[in-house]
C-alpha cells in the first residue's frame, strides 16, 4: 500500500486569540482541494490527553509516511509528542511541525503549501 501524508491543524481549543484571523476550515479545504496531502484533520488540542490518544489511533496506520502538524511552536510540538511517538514506534522524523499562530487564512494556506512542497 502507498505511503500517506496528512495534515493536522491544531488550534489551541479554538479559543486562543492567535487563531482569530484564520478561518481554520478554509485552510484545511484549500490544502485538501490541491491534493497536497492524503488527509486533513482539525484537532482542538493535541497536547491534551485526548490528543495523545488521537495520535496513537491515527498513527497506528503504519502507512502514514509524513505527518504535518500546523499549530504552535515546532520545538514545543516535538517535546509534547515525543513520548507518544516513541510508545507507538512512529519515527519522529516523519513529523513536520510548524507554527501558524497569528496568521490570516491566506498566510496560513501559503505557509502550509510552502512547507509541504519543501518537505515532501
C-alpha atoms as a PDB file:
ATOM      1  CA  UNK A   1       0.000   0.000   0.000  1.00  0.00           C
ATOM      2  CA  UNK A   2       1.219   3.514  -0.799  1.00  0.00           C
ATOM      3  CA  UNK A   3       2.503   5.699   1.988  1.00  0.00           C
ATOM      4  CA  UNK A   4       0.248   8.551   3.082  1.00  0.00           C
ATOM      5  CA  UNK A   5       0.821  12.157   4.049  1.00  0.00           C
ATOM      6  CA  UNK A   6      -1.539  14.044   6.325  1.00  0.00           C
ATOM      7  CA  UNK A   7      -2.057  17.474   7.817  1.00  0.00           C
ATOM      8  CA  UNK A   8      -3.454  18.165  11.274  1.00  0.00           C
ATOM      9  CA  UNK A   9      -4.351  21.723  12.184  1.00  0.00           C
ATOM     10  CA  UNK A  10      -4.259  22.116  15.967  1.00  0.00           C
ATOM     11  CA  UNK A  11      -5.979  25.266  17.200  1.00  0.00           C
ATOM     12  CA  UNK A  12      -5.391  25.579  20.955  1.00  0.00           C
ATOM     13  CA  UNK A  13      -9.010  24.766  21.856  1.00  0.00           C
ATOM     14  CA  UNK A  14     -10.269  27.209  19.247  1.00  0.00           C
ATOM     15  CA  UNK A  15     -10.254  29.952  21.856  1.00  0.00           C
ATOM     16  CA  UNK A  16      -6.666  31.175  21.575  1.00  0.00           C
ATOM     17  CA  UNK A  17      -6.530  34.732  20.187  1.00  0.00           C
ATOM     18  CA  UNK A  18      -3.632  33.701  17.948  1.00  0.00           C
ATOM     19  CA  UNK A  19      -6.129  31.952  15.648  1.00  0.00           C
ATOM     20  CA  UNK A  20      -8.664  34.820  15.417  1.00  0.00           C
ATOM     21  CA  UNK A  21      -7.573  35.930  11.939  1.00  0.00           C
ATOM     22  CA  UNK A  22      -7.774  32.428  10.472  1.00  0.00           C
ATOM     23  CA  UNK A  23     -10.724  30.507   9.057  1.00  0.00           C
ATOM     24  CA  UNK A  24      -9.425  27.072  10.016  1.00  0.00           C
ATOM     25  CA  UNK A  25     -11.865  25.128   7.864  1.00  0.00           C
ATOM     26  CA  UNK A  26     -10.939  27.168   4.804  1.00  0.00           C
ATOM     27  CA  UNK A  27      -7.261  26.493   5.483  1.00  0.00           C
ATOM     28  CA  UNK A  28      -7.915  22.749   5.525  1.00  0.00           C
ATOM     29  CA  UNK A  29     -10.168  22.939   2.461  1.00  0.00           C
ATOM     30  CA  UNK A  30      -7.548  24.841   0.467  1.00  0.00           C
ATOM     31  CA  UNK A  31      -4.920  22.193   1.183  1.00  0.00           C
ATOM     32  CA  UNK A  32      -7.367  19.352   0.584  1.00  0.00           C
ATOM     33  CA  UNK A  33      -8.560  20.766  -2.738  1.00  0.00           C
ATOM     34  CA  UNK A  34      -4.998  20.949  -4.058  1.00  0.00           C
ATOM     35  CA  UNK A  35      -4.392  17.338  -3.013  1.00  0.00           C
ATOM     36  CA  UNK A  36      -1.103  18.222  -1.321  1.00  0.00           C
ATOM     37  CA  UNK A  37      -1.781  15.560   1.316  1.00  0.00           C
ATOM     38  CA  UNK A  38      -3.913  12.447   1.524  1.00  0.00           C
ATOM     39  CA  UNK A  39      -5.942  13.641   4.503  1.00  0.00           C
ATOM     40  CA  UNK A  40      -6.558  16.744   6.601  1.00  0.00           C
ATOM     41  CA  UNK A  41      -7.838  16.978  10.161  1.00  0.00           C
ATOM     42  CA  UNK A  42      -8.676  19.582  12.760  1.00  0.00           C
ATOM     43  CA  UNK A  43      -7.940  18.933  16.421  1.00  0.00           C
ATOM     44  CA  UNK A  44      -8.692  21.331  19.259  1.00  0.00           C
ATOM     45  CA  UNK A  45      -5.705  20.444  21.453  1.00  0.00           C
ATOM     46  CA  UNK A  46      -3.194  17.752  20.514  1.00  0.00           C
ATOM     47  CA  UNK A  47      -1.170  18.447  23.663  1.00  0.00           C
ATOM     48  CA  UNK A  48      -4.047  17.247  25.890  1.00  0.00           C
ATOM     49  CA  UNK A  49      -4.504  13.623  26.946  1.00  0.00           C
ATOM     50  CA  UNK A  50      -7.146  13.034  24.286  1.00  0.00           C
ATOM     51  CA  UNK A  51      -4.716  14.493  21.737  1.00  0.00           C
ATOM     52  CA  UNK A  52      -2.206  11.796  22.661  1.00  0.00           C
ATOM     53  CA  UNK A  53      -4.937   9.189  22.213  1.00  0.00           C
ATOM     54  CA  UNK A  54      -5.908  10.704  18.859  1.00  0.00           C
ATOM     55  CA  UNK A  55      -2.288  10.499  17.656  1.00  0.00           C
ATOM     56  CA  UNK A  56      -1.987   6.903  18.878  1.00  0.00           C
ATOM     57  CA  UNK A  57      -5.079   5.818  16.955  1.00  0.00           C
ATOM     58  CA  UNK A  58      -4.192   7.796  13.832  1.00  0.00           C
ATOM     59  CA  UNK A  59      -0.577   6.691  13.703  1.00  0.00           C
ATOM     60  CA  UNK A  60      -1.480   3.063  14.252  1.00  0.00           C
ATOM     61  CA  UNK A  61      -1.906   3.272  10.478  1.00  0.00           C
ATOM     62  CA  UNK A  62       1.601   2.182   9.520  1.00  0.00           C
ATOM     63  CA  UNK A  63       1.135   3.633   6.009  1.00  0.00           C
ATOM     64  CA  UNK A  64       1.494   7.232   7.234  1.00  0.00           C
ATOM     65  CA  UNK A  65       4.831   8.391   5.923  1.00  0.00           C
ATOM     66  CA  UNK A  66       4.613  12.091   6.797  1.00  0.00           C
ATOM     67  CA  UNK A  67       2.548  13.943   9.368  1.00  0.00           C
ATOM     68  CA  UNK A  68       2.430  17.725   9.124  1.00  0.00           C
ATOM     69  CA  UNK A  69       1.138  19.462  12.236  1.00  0.00           C
ATOM     70  CA  UNK A  70       0.284  23.138  11.899  1.00  0.00           C
ATOM     71  CA  UNK A  71      -0.222  24.715  15.287  1.00  0.00           C
ATOM     72  CA  UNK A  72       2.146  26.010  17.923  1.00  0.00           C
ATOM     73  CA  UNK A  73       5.918  26.255  18.152  1.00  0.00           C
ATOM     74  CA  UNK A  74       7.706  23.352  16.390  1.00  0.00           C
ATOM     75  CA  UNK A  75      10.093  22.733  19.297  1.00  0.00           C
ATOM     76  CA  UNK A  76       7.156  22.551  21.684  1.00  0.00           C
ATOM     77  CA  UNK A  77       5.386  20.071  19.398  1.00  0.00           C
ATOM     78  CA  UNK A  78       8.430  17.817  19.253  1.00  0.00           C
ATOM     79  CA  UNK A  79       8.659  17.784  23.052  1.00  0.00           C
ATOM     80  CA  UNK A  80       4.911  17.227  23.544  1.00  0.00           C
ATOM     81  CA  UNK A  81       4.611  14.361  21.052  1.00  0.00           C
ATOM     82  CA  UNK A  82       7.938  12.596  21.771  1.00  0.00           C
ATOM     83  CA  UNK A  83       6.550  10.080  24.285  1.00  0.00           C
ATOM     84  CA  UNK A  84       3.532   9.238  22.152  1.00  0.00           C
ATOM     85  CA  UNK A  85       5.660   8.707  19.041  1.00  0.00           C
ATOM     86  CA  UNK A  86       8.094   6.504  20.980  1.00  0.00           C
ATOM     87  CA  UNK A  87       5.272   4.483  22.577  1.00  0.00           C
ATOM     88  CA  UNK A  88       3.769   3.552  19.203  1.00  0.00           C
ATOM     89  CA  UNK A  89       7.006   3.289  17.236  1.00  0.00           C
ATOM     90  CA  UNK A  90       6.324   6.253  14.964  1.00  0.00           C
ATOM     91  CA  UNK A  91       9.551   7.709  13.584  1.00  0.00           C
ATOM     92  CA  UNK A  92       9.682  11.314  14.833  1.00  0.00           C
ATOM     93  CA  UNK A  93      11.492  12.275  11.624  1.00  0.00           C
ATOM     94  CA  UNK A  94       8.164  11.758   9.819  1.00  0.00           C
ATOM     95  CA  UNK A  95       6.626  14.583  11.896  1.00  0.00           C
ATOM     96  CA  UNK A  96       6.948  18.045  10.370  1.00  0.00           C
ATOM     97  CA  UNK A  97       5.903  20.725  12.842  1.00  0.00           C
ATOM     98  CA  UNK A  98       5.254  24.348  12.089  1.00  0.00           C
ATOM     99  CA  UNK A  99       3.782  27.407  13.706  1.00  0.00           C
ATOM    100  CA  UNK A 100       0.738  29.053  12.151  1.00  0.00           C
ATOM    101  CA  UNK A 101      -0.292  31.243  15.076  1.00  0.00           C
ATOM    102  CA  UNK A 102      -1.212  34.859  14.315  1.00  0.00           C
ATOM    103  CA  UNK A 103      -1.571  34.221  10.584  1.00  0.00           C
ATOM    104  CA  UNK A 104      -4.523  35.104   8.389  1.00  0.00           C
ATOM    105  CA  UNK A 105      -6.265  32.381   6.408  1.00  0.00           C
ATOM    106  CA  UNK A 106      -4.326  33.288   3.270  1.00  0.00           C
ATOM    107  CA  UNK A 107      -0.997  33.460   5.090  1.00  0.00           C
ATOM    108  CA  UNK A 108      -1.593  30.083   6.734  1.00  0.00           C
ATOM    109  CA  UNK A 109      -2.526  28.428   3.428  1.00  0.00           C
ATOM    110  CA  UNK A 110       0.570  29.858   1.760  1.00  0.00           C
ATOM    111  CA  UNK A 111       2.857  28.824   4.633  1.00  0.00           C
ATOM    112  CA  UNK A 112       1.448  25.302   4.727  1.00  0.00           C
ATOM    113  CA  UNK A 113       1.736  24.877   0.951  1.00  0.00           C
ATOM    114  CA  UNK A 114       5.363  26.029   1.038  1.00  0.00           C
ATOM    115  CA  UNK A 115       6.207  23.757   3.922  1.00  0.00           C
ATOM    116  CA  UNK A 116       4.647  20.677   2.315  1.00  0.00           C
ATOM    117  CA  UNK A 117       6.345  21.354  -1.018  1.00  0.00           C
ATOM    118  CA  UNK A 118       9.725  21.843   0.693  1.00  0.00           C
ATOM    119  CA  UNK A 119       9.332  18.793   2.984  1.00  0.00           C
ATOM    120  CA  UNK A 120       7.830  16.063   0.787  1.00  0.00           C
END
